[in-house]
């Protein structure tokens, strides 16, 4: 359930992942690996708060398409 503070709507991690079409584990892995920049806002419990623009960035990451050669280069660099 989204939270509204000072007229701004925020979503928690599970809600943001559901809206973007990915799992929480995948998001946390992307943040850990540095392929997705972590959100800047957290509530008093330390939970991430996603804005609409954060969710849009996450959707773009979820729907990113790589060329076959790019995937091979990514695998080689690891």
PDB file of N, CA and C in Angstrom:
ATOM      1  N   UNK A   1       0.842  -1.168   0.000  1.00  0.00           N
ATOM      2  CA  UNK A   1       0.000   0.000   0.000  1.00  0.00           C
ATOM      3  C   UNK A   1       0.896   1.243   0.000  1.00  0.00           C
ATOM      4  N   UNK A   2       0.768   2.078  -1.025  1.00  0.00           N
ATOM      5  CA  UNK A   2       1.599   3.275  -1.104  1.00  0.00           C
ATOM      6  C   UNK A   2       1.385   4.199   0.098  1.00  0.00           C
ATOM      7  N   UNK A   3       2.412   4.963   0.398  1.00  0.00           N
ATOM      8  CA  UNK A   3       2.379   5.921   1.489  1.00  0.00           C
ATOM      9  C   UNK A   3       2.413   7.322   0.881  1.00  0.00           C
ATOM     10  N   UNK A   4       1.578   8.218   1.376  1.00  0.00           N
ATOM     11  CA  UNK A   4       1.589   9.597   0.907  1.00  0.00           C
ATOM     12  C   UNK A   4       2.082  10.502   2.027  1.00  0.00           C
ATOM     13  N   UNK A   5       3.163  11.214   1.750  1.00  0.00           N
ATOM     14  CA  UNK A   5       3.750  12.151   2.701  1.00  0.00           C
ATOM     15  C   UNK A   5       3.920  13.494   2.012  1.00  0.00           C
ATOM     16  N   UNK A   6       3.383  14.541   2.613  1.00  0.00           N
ATOM     17  CA  UNK A   6       3.482  15.893   2.056  1.00  0.00           C
ATOM     18  C   UNK A   6       3.041  15.951   0.592  1.00  0.00           C
ATOM     19  N   UNK A   7       2.003  15.205   0.262  1.00  0.00           N
ATOM     20  CA  UNK A   7       1.465  15.226  -1.088  1.00  0.00           C
ATOM     21  C   UNK A   7       2.208  14.365  -2.095  1.00  0.00           C
ATOM     22  N   UNK A   8       3.286  13.720  -1.698  1.00  0.00           N
ATOM     23  CA  UNK A   8       4.080  12.858  -2.582  1.00  0.00           C
ATOM     24  C   UNK A   8       3.776  11.401  -2.245  1.00  0.00           C
ATOM     25  N   UNK A   9       3.557  10.576  -3.261  1.00  0.00           N
ATOM     26  CA  UNK A   9       3.287   9.157  -3.061  1.00  0.00           C
ATOM     27  C   UNK A   9       4.587   8.367  -3.159  1.00  0.00           C
ATOM     28  N   UNK A  10       4.803   7.492  -2.188  1.00  0.00           N
ATOM     29  CA  UNK A  10       5.986   6.638  -2.148  1.00  0.00           C
ATOM     30  C   UNK A  10       5.554   5.179  -2.094  1.00  0.00           C
ATOM     31  N   UNK A  11       6.377   4.319  -2.687  1.00  0.00           N
ATOM     32  CA  UNK A  11       6.110   2.884  -2.706  1.00  0.00           C
ATOM     33  C   UNK A  11       7.274   2.177  -2.032  1.00  0.00           C
ATOM     34  N   UNK A  12       6.963   1.113  -1.335  1.00  0.00           N
ATOM     35  CA  UNK A  12       8.009   0.304  -0.714  1.00  0.00           C
ATOM     36  C   UNK A  12       8.568  -0.662  -1.754  1.00  0.00           C
ATOM     37  N   UNK A  13       9.607  -1.363  -1.394  1.00  0.00           N
ATOM     38  CA  UNK A  13      10.354  -2.193  -2.350  1.00  0.00           C
ATOM     39  C   UNK A  13       9.478  -3.222  -3.053  1.00  0.00           C
ATOM     40  N   UNK A  14       8.701  -3.988  -2.320  1.00  0.00           N
ATOM     41  CA  UNK A  14       7.870  -5.032  -2.930  1.00  0.00           C
ATOM     42  C   UNK A  14       6.862  -4.431  -3.902  1.00  0.00           C
ATOM     43  N   UNK A  15       6.277  -3.292  -3.537  1.00  0.00           N
ATOM     44  CA  UNK A  15       5.302  -2.633  -4.411  1.00  0.00           C
ATOM     45  C   UNK A  15       5.974  -2.114  -5.676  1.00  0.00           C
ATOM     46  N   UNK A  16       7.137  -1.508  -5.522  1.00  0.00           N
ATOM     47  CA  UNK A  16       7.868  -0.982  -6.678  1.00  0.00           C
ATOM     48  C   UNK A  16       8.267  -2.114  -7.628  1.00  0.00           C
ATOM     49  N   UNK A  17       8.713  -3.219  -7.081  1.00  0.00           N
ATOM     50  CA  UNK A  17       9.098  -4.364  -7.913  1.00  0.00           C
ATOM     51  C   UNK A  17       7.893  -4.933  -8.649  1.00  0.00           C
ATOM     52  N   UNK A  18       6.772  -5.031  -7.980  1.00  0.00           N
ATOM     53  CA  UNK A  18       5.557  -5.540  -8.624  1.00  0.00           C
ATOM     54  C   UNK A  18       5.126  -4.619  -9.764  1.00  0.00           C
ATOM     55  N   UNK A  19       5.190  -3.316  -9.546  1.00  0.00           N
ATOM     56  CA  UNK A  19       4.808  -2.361 -10.585  1.00  0.00           C
ATOM     57  C   UNK A  19       5.771  -2.390 -11.772  1.00  0.00           C
ATOM     58  N   UNK A  20       7.042  -2.667 -11.501  1.00  0.00           N
ATOM     59  CA  UNK A  20       8.050  -2.676 -12.560  1.00  0.00           C
ATOM     60  C   UNK A  20       8.176  -4.038 -13.242  1.00  0.00           C
ATOM     61  N   UNK A  21       7.677  -5.076 -12.595  1.00  0.00           N
ATOM     62  CA  UNK A  21       7.724  -6.409 -13.200  1.00  0.00           C
ATOM     63  C   UNK A  21       9.005  -7.167 -12.937  1.00  0.00           C
ATOM     64  N   UNK A  22       9.541  -7.034 -11.746  1.00  0.00           N
ATOM     65  CA  UNK A  22      10.733  -7.791 -11.379  1.00  0.00           C
ATOM     66  C   UNK A  22      10.595  -8.265  -9.934  1.00  0.00           C
ATOM     67  N   UNK A  23      11.519  -9.089  -9.509  1.00  0.00           N
ATOM     68  CA  UNK A  23      11.460  -9.574  -8.131  1.00  0.00           C
ATOM     69  C   UNK A  23      12.318  -8.697  -7.220  1.00  0.00           C
ATOM     70  N   UNK A  24      12.027  -8.766  -5.960  1.00  0.00           N
ATOM     71  CA  UNK A  24      12.788  -8.018  -4.955  1.00  0.00           C
ATOM     72  C   UNK A  24      14.240  -8.486  -4.950  1.00  0.00           C
ATOM     73  N   UNK A  25      14.446  -9.792  -5.059  1.00  0.00           N
ATOM     74  CA  UNK A  25      15.810 -10.331  -5.059  1.00  0.00           C
ATOM     75  C   UNK A  25      16.623  -9.802  -6.232  1.00  0.00           C
ATOM     76  N   UNK A  26      15.990  -9.721  -7.399  1.00  0.00           N
ATOM     77  CA  UNK A  26      16.685  -9.199  -8.577  1.00  0.00           C
ATOM     78  C   UNK A  26      17.059  -7.737  -8.372  1.00  0.00           C
ATOM     79  N   UNK A  27      16.129  -6.940  -7.867  1.00  0.00           N
ATOM     80  CA  UNK A  27      16.419  -5.533  -7.613  1.00  0.00           C
ATOM     81  C   UNK A  27      17.589  -5.386  -6.643  1.00  0.00           C
ATOM     82  N   UNK A  28      17.562  -6.106  -5.549  1.00  0.00           N
ATOM     83  CA  UNK A  28      18.626  -5.993  -4.558  1.00  0.00           C
ATOM     84  C   UNK A  28      19.972  -6.444  -5.124  1.00  0.00           C
ATOM     85  N   UNK A  29      19.957  -7.438  -6.006  1.00  0.00           N
ATOM     86  CA  UNK A  29      21.197  -7.875  -6.672  1.00  0.00           C
ATOM     87  C   UNK A  29      21.722  -6.768  -7.581  1.00  0.00           C
ATOM     88  N   UNK A  30      20.821  -6.143  -8.347  1.00  0.00           N
ATOM     89  CA  UNK A  30      21.231  -5.045  -9.233  1.00  0.00           C
ATOM     90  C   UNK A  30      21.823  -3.895  -8.432  1.00  0.00           C
ATOM     91  N   UNK A  31      21.230  -3.584  -7.293  1.00  0.00           N
ATOM     92  CA  UNK A  31      21.760  -2.508  -6.453  1.00  0.00           C
ATOM     93  C   UNK A  31      23.144  -2.897  -5.942  1.00  0.00           C
ATOM     94  N   UNK A  32      23.293  -4.121  -5.474  1.00  0.00           N
ATOM     95  CA  UNK A  32      24.571  -4.614  -4.953  1.00  0.00           C
ATOM     96  C   UNK A  32      25.656  -4.592  -6.033  1.00  0.00           C
ATOM     97  N   UNK A  33      25.289  -5.006  -7.258  1.00  0.00           N
ATOM     98  CA  UNK A  33      26.247  -5.052  -8.364  1.00  0.00           C
ATOM     99  C   UNK A  33      26.519  -3.668  -8.964  1.00  0.00           C
ATOM    100  N   UNK A  34      25.685  -2.684  -8.636  1.00  0.00           N
ATOM    101  CA  UNK A  34      25.872  -1.345  -9.160  1.00  0.00           C
ATOM    102  C   UNK A  34      25.215  -1.088 -10.507  1.00  0.00           C
ATOM    103  N   UNK A  35      24.399  -2.032 -11.000  1.00  0.00           N
ATOM    104  CA  UNK A  35      23.737  -1.815 -12.285  1.00  0.00           C
ATOM    105  C   UNK A  35      22.448  -1.008 -12.146  1.00  0.00           C
ATOM    106  N   UNK A  36      21.987  -0.782 -10.912  1.00  0.00           N
ATOM    107  CA  UNK A  36      20.836   0.076 -10.650  1.00  0.00           C
ATOM    108  C   UNK A  36      21.163   0.930  -9.437  1.00  0.00           C
ATOM    109  N   UNK A  37      21.057   2.237  -9.607  1.00  0.00           N
ATOM    110  CA  UNK A  37      21.359   3.153  -8.501  1.00  0.00           C
ATOM    111  C   UNK A  37      20.269   3.064  -7.437  1.00  0.00           C
ATOM    112  N   UNK A  38      20.696   2.910  -6.203  1.00  0.00           N
ATOM    113  CA  UNK A  38      19.749   2.800  -5.096  1.00  0.00           C
ATOM    114  C   UNK A  38      18.960   4.102  -4.941  1.00  0.00           C
ATOM    115  N   UNK A  39      17.764   3.998  -4.387  1.00  0.00           N
ATOM    116  CA  UNK A  39      16.946   5.178  -4.143  1.00  0.00           C
ATOM    117  C   UNK A  39      17.560   5.988  -3.009  1.00  0.00           C
ATOM    118  N   UNK A  40      17.205   7.258  -2.965  1.00  0.00           N
ATOM    119  CA  UNK A  40      17.821   8.140  -1.970  1.00  0.00           C
ATOM    120  C   UNK A  40      16.994   8.296  -0.708  1.00  0.00           C
ATOM    121  N   UNK A  41      15.725   7.910  -0.755  1.00  0.00           N
ATOM    122  CA  UNK A  41      14.844   8.120   0.391  1.00  0.00           C
ATOM    123  C   UNK A  41      14.537   6.820   1.121  1.00  0.00           C
ATOM    124  N   UNK A  42      14.516   6.921   2.443  1.00  0.00           N
ATOM    125  CA  UNK A  42      14.145   5.787   3.287  1.00  0.00           C
ATOM    126  C   UNK A  42      13.253   6.294   4.408  1.00  0.00           C
ATOM    127  N   UNK A  43      12.406   5.394   4.922  1.00  0.00           N
ATOM    128  CA  UNK A  43      11.550   5.804   6.042  1.00  0.00           C
ATOM    129  C   UNK A  43      12.319   5.647   7.357  1.00  0.00           C
ATOM    130  N   UNK A  44      11.640   5.886   8.460  1.00  0.00           N
ATOM    131  CA  UNK A  44      12.329   5.841   9.757  1.00  0.00           C
ATOM    132  C   UNK A  44      12.824   4.442  10.125  1.00  0.00           C
ATOM    133  N   UNK A  45      12.279   3.415   9.487  1.00  0.00           N
ATOM    134  CA  UNK A  45      12.729   2.041   9.720  1.00  0.00           C
ATOM    135  C   UNK A  45      13.891   1.655   8.799  1.00  0.00           C
ATOM    136  N   UNK A  46      14.219   2.555   7.873  1.00  0.00           N
ATOM    137  CA  UNK A  46      15.305   2.266   6.937  1.00  0.00           C
ATOM    138  C   UNK A  46      14.831   1.606   5.650  1.00  0.00           C
ATOM    139  N   UNK A  47      13.537   1.478   5.468  1.00  0.00           N
ATOM    140  CA  UNK A  47      13.010   0.852   4.255  1.00  0.00           C
ATOM    141  C   UNK A  47      13.057   1.837   3.101  1.00  0.00           C
ATOM    142  N   UNK A  48      13.384   1.333   1.929  1.00  0.00           N
ATOM    143  CA  UNK A  48      13.457   2.175   0.738  1.00  0.00           C
ATOM    144  C   UNK A  48      12.083   2.727   0.385  1.00  0.00           C
ATOM    145  N   UNK A  49      12.071   3.989  -0.048  1.00  0.00           N
ATOM    146  CA  UNK A  49      10.855   4.630  -0.537  1.00  0.00           C
ATOM    147  C   UNK A  49      11.075   5.020  -1.995  1.00  0.00           C
ATOM    148  N   UNK A  50      10.271   4.446  -2.876  1.00  0.00           N
ATOM    149  CA  UNK A  50      10.392   4.679  -4.314  1.00  0.00           C
ATOM    150  C   UNK A  50       9.366   5.706  -4.763  1.00  0.00           C
ATOM    151  N   UNK A  51       9.815   6.673  -5.534  1.00  0.00           N
ATOM    152  CA  UNK A  51       8.911   7.637  -6.151  1.00  0.00           C
ATOM    153  C   UNK A  51       8.484   7.076  -7.505  1.00  0.00           C
ATOM    154  N   UNK A  52       7.562   7.754  -8.153  1.00  0.00           N
ATOM    155  CA  UNK A  52       7.147   7.341  -9.504  1.00  0.00           C
ATOM    156  C   UNK A  52       8.345   7.340 -10.457  1.00  0.00           C
ATOM    157  N   UNK A  53       9.216   8.334 -10.323  1.00  0.00           N
ATOM    158  CA  UNK A  53      10.385   8.383 -11.217  1.00  0.00           C
ATOM    159  C   UNK A  53      11.358   7.234 -10.930  1.00  0.00           C
ATOM    160  N   UNK A  54      11.492   6.824  -9.669  1.00  0.00           N
ATOM    161  CA  UNK A  54      12.326   5.662  -9.336  1.00  0.00           C
ATOM    162  C   UNK A  54      11.751   4.399  -9.972  1.00  0.00           C
ATOM    163  N   UNK A  55      10.442   4.269  -9.923  1.00  0.00           N
ATOM    164  CA  UNK A  55       9.790   3.095 -10.514  1.00  0.00           C
ATOM    165  C   UNK A  55       9.960   3.102 -12.027  1.00  0.00           C
ATOM    166  N   UNK A  56       9.891   4.289 -12.637  1.00  0.00           N
ATOM    167  CA  UNK A  56      10.108   4.382 -14.078  1.00  0.00           C
ATOM    168  C   UNK A  56      11.543   3.972 -14.438  1.00  0.00           C
ATOM    169  N   UNK A  57      12.525   4.395 -13.639  1.00  0.00           N
ATOM    170  CA  UNK A  57      13.918   3.969 -13.875  1.00  0.00           C
ATOM    171  C   UNK A  57      14.046   2.461 -13.760  1.00  0.00           C
ATOM    172  N   UNK A  58      13.352   1.888 -12.781  1.00  0.00           N
ATOM    173  CA  UNK A  58      13.390   0.442 -12.590  1.00  0.00           C
ATOM    174  C   UNK A  58      12.739  -0.270 -13.772  1.00  0.00           C
ATOM    175  N   UNK A  59      11.617   0.248 -14.253  1.00  0.00           N
ATOM    176  CA  UNK A  59      10.966  -0.343 -15.439  1.00  0.00           C
ATOM    177  C   UNK A  59      11.909  -0.331 -16.639  1.00  0.00           C
ATOM    178  N   UNK A  60      12.614   0.773 -16.817  1.00  0.00           N
ATOM    179  CA  UNK A  60      13.562   0.871 -17.929  1.00  0.00           C
ATOM    180  C   UNK A  60      14.667  -0.166 -17.802  1.00  0.00           C
ATOM    181  N   UNK A  61      15.141  -0.395 -16.587  1.00  0.00           N
ATOM    182  CA  UNK A  61      16.171  -1.417 -16.365  1.00  0.00           C
ATOM    183  C   UNK A  61      15.613  -2.812 -16.635  1.00  0.00           C
ATOM    184  N   UNK A  62      14.387  -3.051 -16.189  1.00  0.00           N
ATOM    185  CA  UNK A  62      13.750  -4.360 -16.402  1.00  0.00           C
ATOM    186  C   UNK A  62      13.577  -4.640 -17.890  1.00  0.00           C
ATOM    187  N   UNK A  63      13.213  -3.614 -18.644  1.00  0.00           N
ATOM    188  CA  UNK A  63      12.912  -3.788 -20.072  1.00  0.00           C
ATOM    189  C   UNK A  63      14.102  -3.530 -20.980  1.00  0.00           C
ATOM    190  N   UNK A  64      15.281  -3.392 -20.408  1.00  0.00           N
ATOM    191  CA  UNK A  64      16.482  -3.137 -21.201  1.00  0.00           C
ATOM    192  C   UNK A  64      16.787  -4.352 -22.075  1.00  0.00           C
ATOM    193  N   UNK A  65      17.133  -4.077 -23.305  1.00  0.00           N
ATOM    194  CA  UNK A  65      17.469  -5.143 -24.249  1.00  0.00           C
ATOM    195  C   UNK A  65      18.923  -4.961 -24.659  1.00  0.00           C
ATOM    196  N   UNK A  66      19.671  -6.056 -24.640  1.00  0.00           N
ATOM    197  CA  UNK A  66      21.066  -6.013 -25.050  1.00  0.00           C
ATOM    198  C   UNK A  66      21.241  -6.813 -26.337  1.00  0.00           C
ATOM    199  N   UNK A  67      22.160  -6.357 -27.174  1.00  0.00           N
ATOM    200  CA  UNK A  67      22.507  -7.121 -28.360  1.00  0.00           C
ATOM    201  C   UNK A  67      23.290  -8.348 -27.932  1.00  0.00           C
ATOM    202  N   UNK A  68      23.273  -9.359 -28.740  1.00  0.00           N
ATOM    203  CA  UNK A  68      23.933 -10.616 -28.427  1.00  0.00           C
ATOM    204  C   UNK A  68      25.410 -10.414 -28.109  1.00  0.00           C
ATOM    205  N   UNK A  69      26.112  -9.576 -28.872  1.00  0.00           N
ATOM    206  CA  UNK A  69      27.530  -9.328 -28.624  1.00  0.00           C
ATOM    207  C   UNK A  69      27.745  -8.650 -27.285  1.00  0.00           C
ATOM    208  N   UNK A  70      26.834  -7.771 -26.874  1.00  0.00           N
ATOM    209  CA  UNK A  70      26.953  -7.078 -25.593  1.00  0.00           C
ATOM    210  C   UNK A  70      26.848  -8.056 -24.435  1.00  0.00           C
ATOM    211  N   UNK A  71      25.993  -9.043 -24.580  1.00  0.00           N
ATOM    212  CA  UNK A  71      25.822 -10.047 -23.526  1.00  0.00           C
ATOM    213  C   UNK A  71      27.104 -10.861 -23.386  1.00  0.00           C
ATOM    214  N   UNK A  72      27.710 -11.234 -24.499  1.00  0.00           N
ATOM    215  CA  UNK A  72      28.951 -11.988 -24.444  1.00  0.00           C
ATOM    216  C   UNK A  72      30.056 -11.173 -23.776  1.00  0.00           C
ATOM    217  N   UNK A  73      30.150  -9.887 -24.097  1.00  0.00           N
ATOM    218  CA  UNK A  73      31.160  -9.023 -23.485  1.00  0.00           C
ATOM    219  C   UNK A  73      30.923  -8.891 -21.981  1.00  0.00           C
ATOM    220  N   UNK A  74      29.652  -8.794 -21.591  1.00  0.00           N
ATOM    221  CA  UNK A  74      29.326  -8.689 -20.168  1.00  0.00           C
ATOM    222  C   UNK A  74      29.765  -9.945 -19.434  1.00  0.00           C
ATOM    223  N   UNK A  75      29.523 -11.103 -20.025  1.00  0.00           N
ATOM    224  CA  UNK A  75      29.893 -12.370 -19.405  1.00  0.00           C
ATOM    225  C   UNK A  75      31.421 -12.497 -19.341  1.00  0.00           C
ATOM    226  N   UNK A  76      32.126 -12.092 -20.394  1.00  0.00           N
ATOM    227  CA  UNK A  76      33.581 -12.170 -20.410  1.00  0.00           C
ATOM    228  C   UNK A  76      34.214 -11.283 -19.354  1.00  0.00           C
ATOM    229  N   UNK A  77      33.613 -10.118 -19.109  1.00  0.00           N
ATOM    230  CA  UNK A  77      34.206  -9.182 -18.153  1.00  0.00           C
ATOM    231  C   UNK A  77      34.052  -9.622 -16.705  1.00  0.00           C
ATOM    232  N   UNK A  78      33.212 -10.595 -16.453  1.00  0.00           N
ATOM    233  CA  UNK A  78      32.993 -11.061 -15.070  1.00  0.00           C
ATOM    234  C   UNK A  78      33.993 -12.076 -14.667  1.00  0.00           C
TER     235      UNK A  78
END
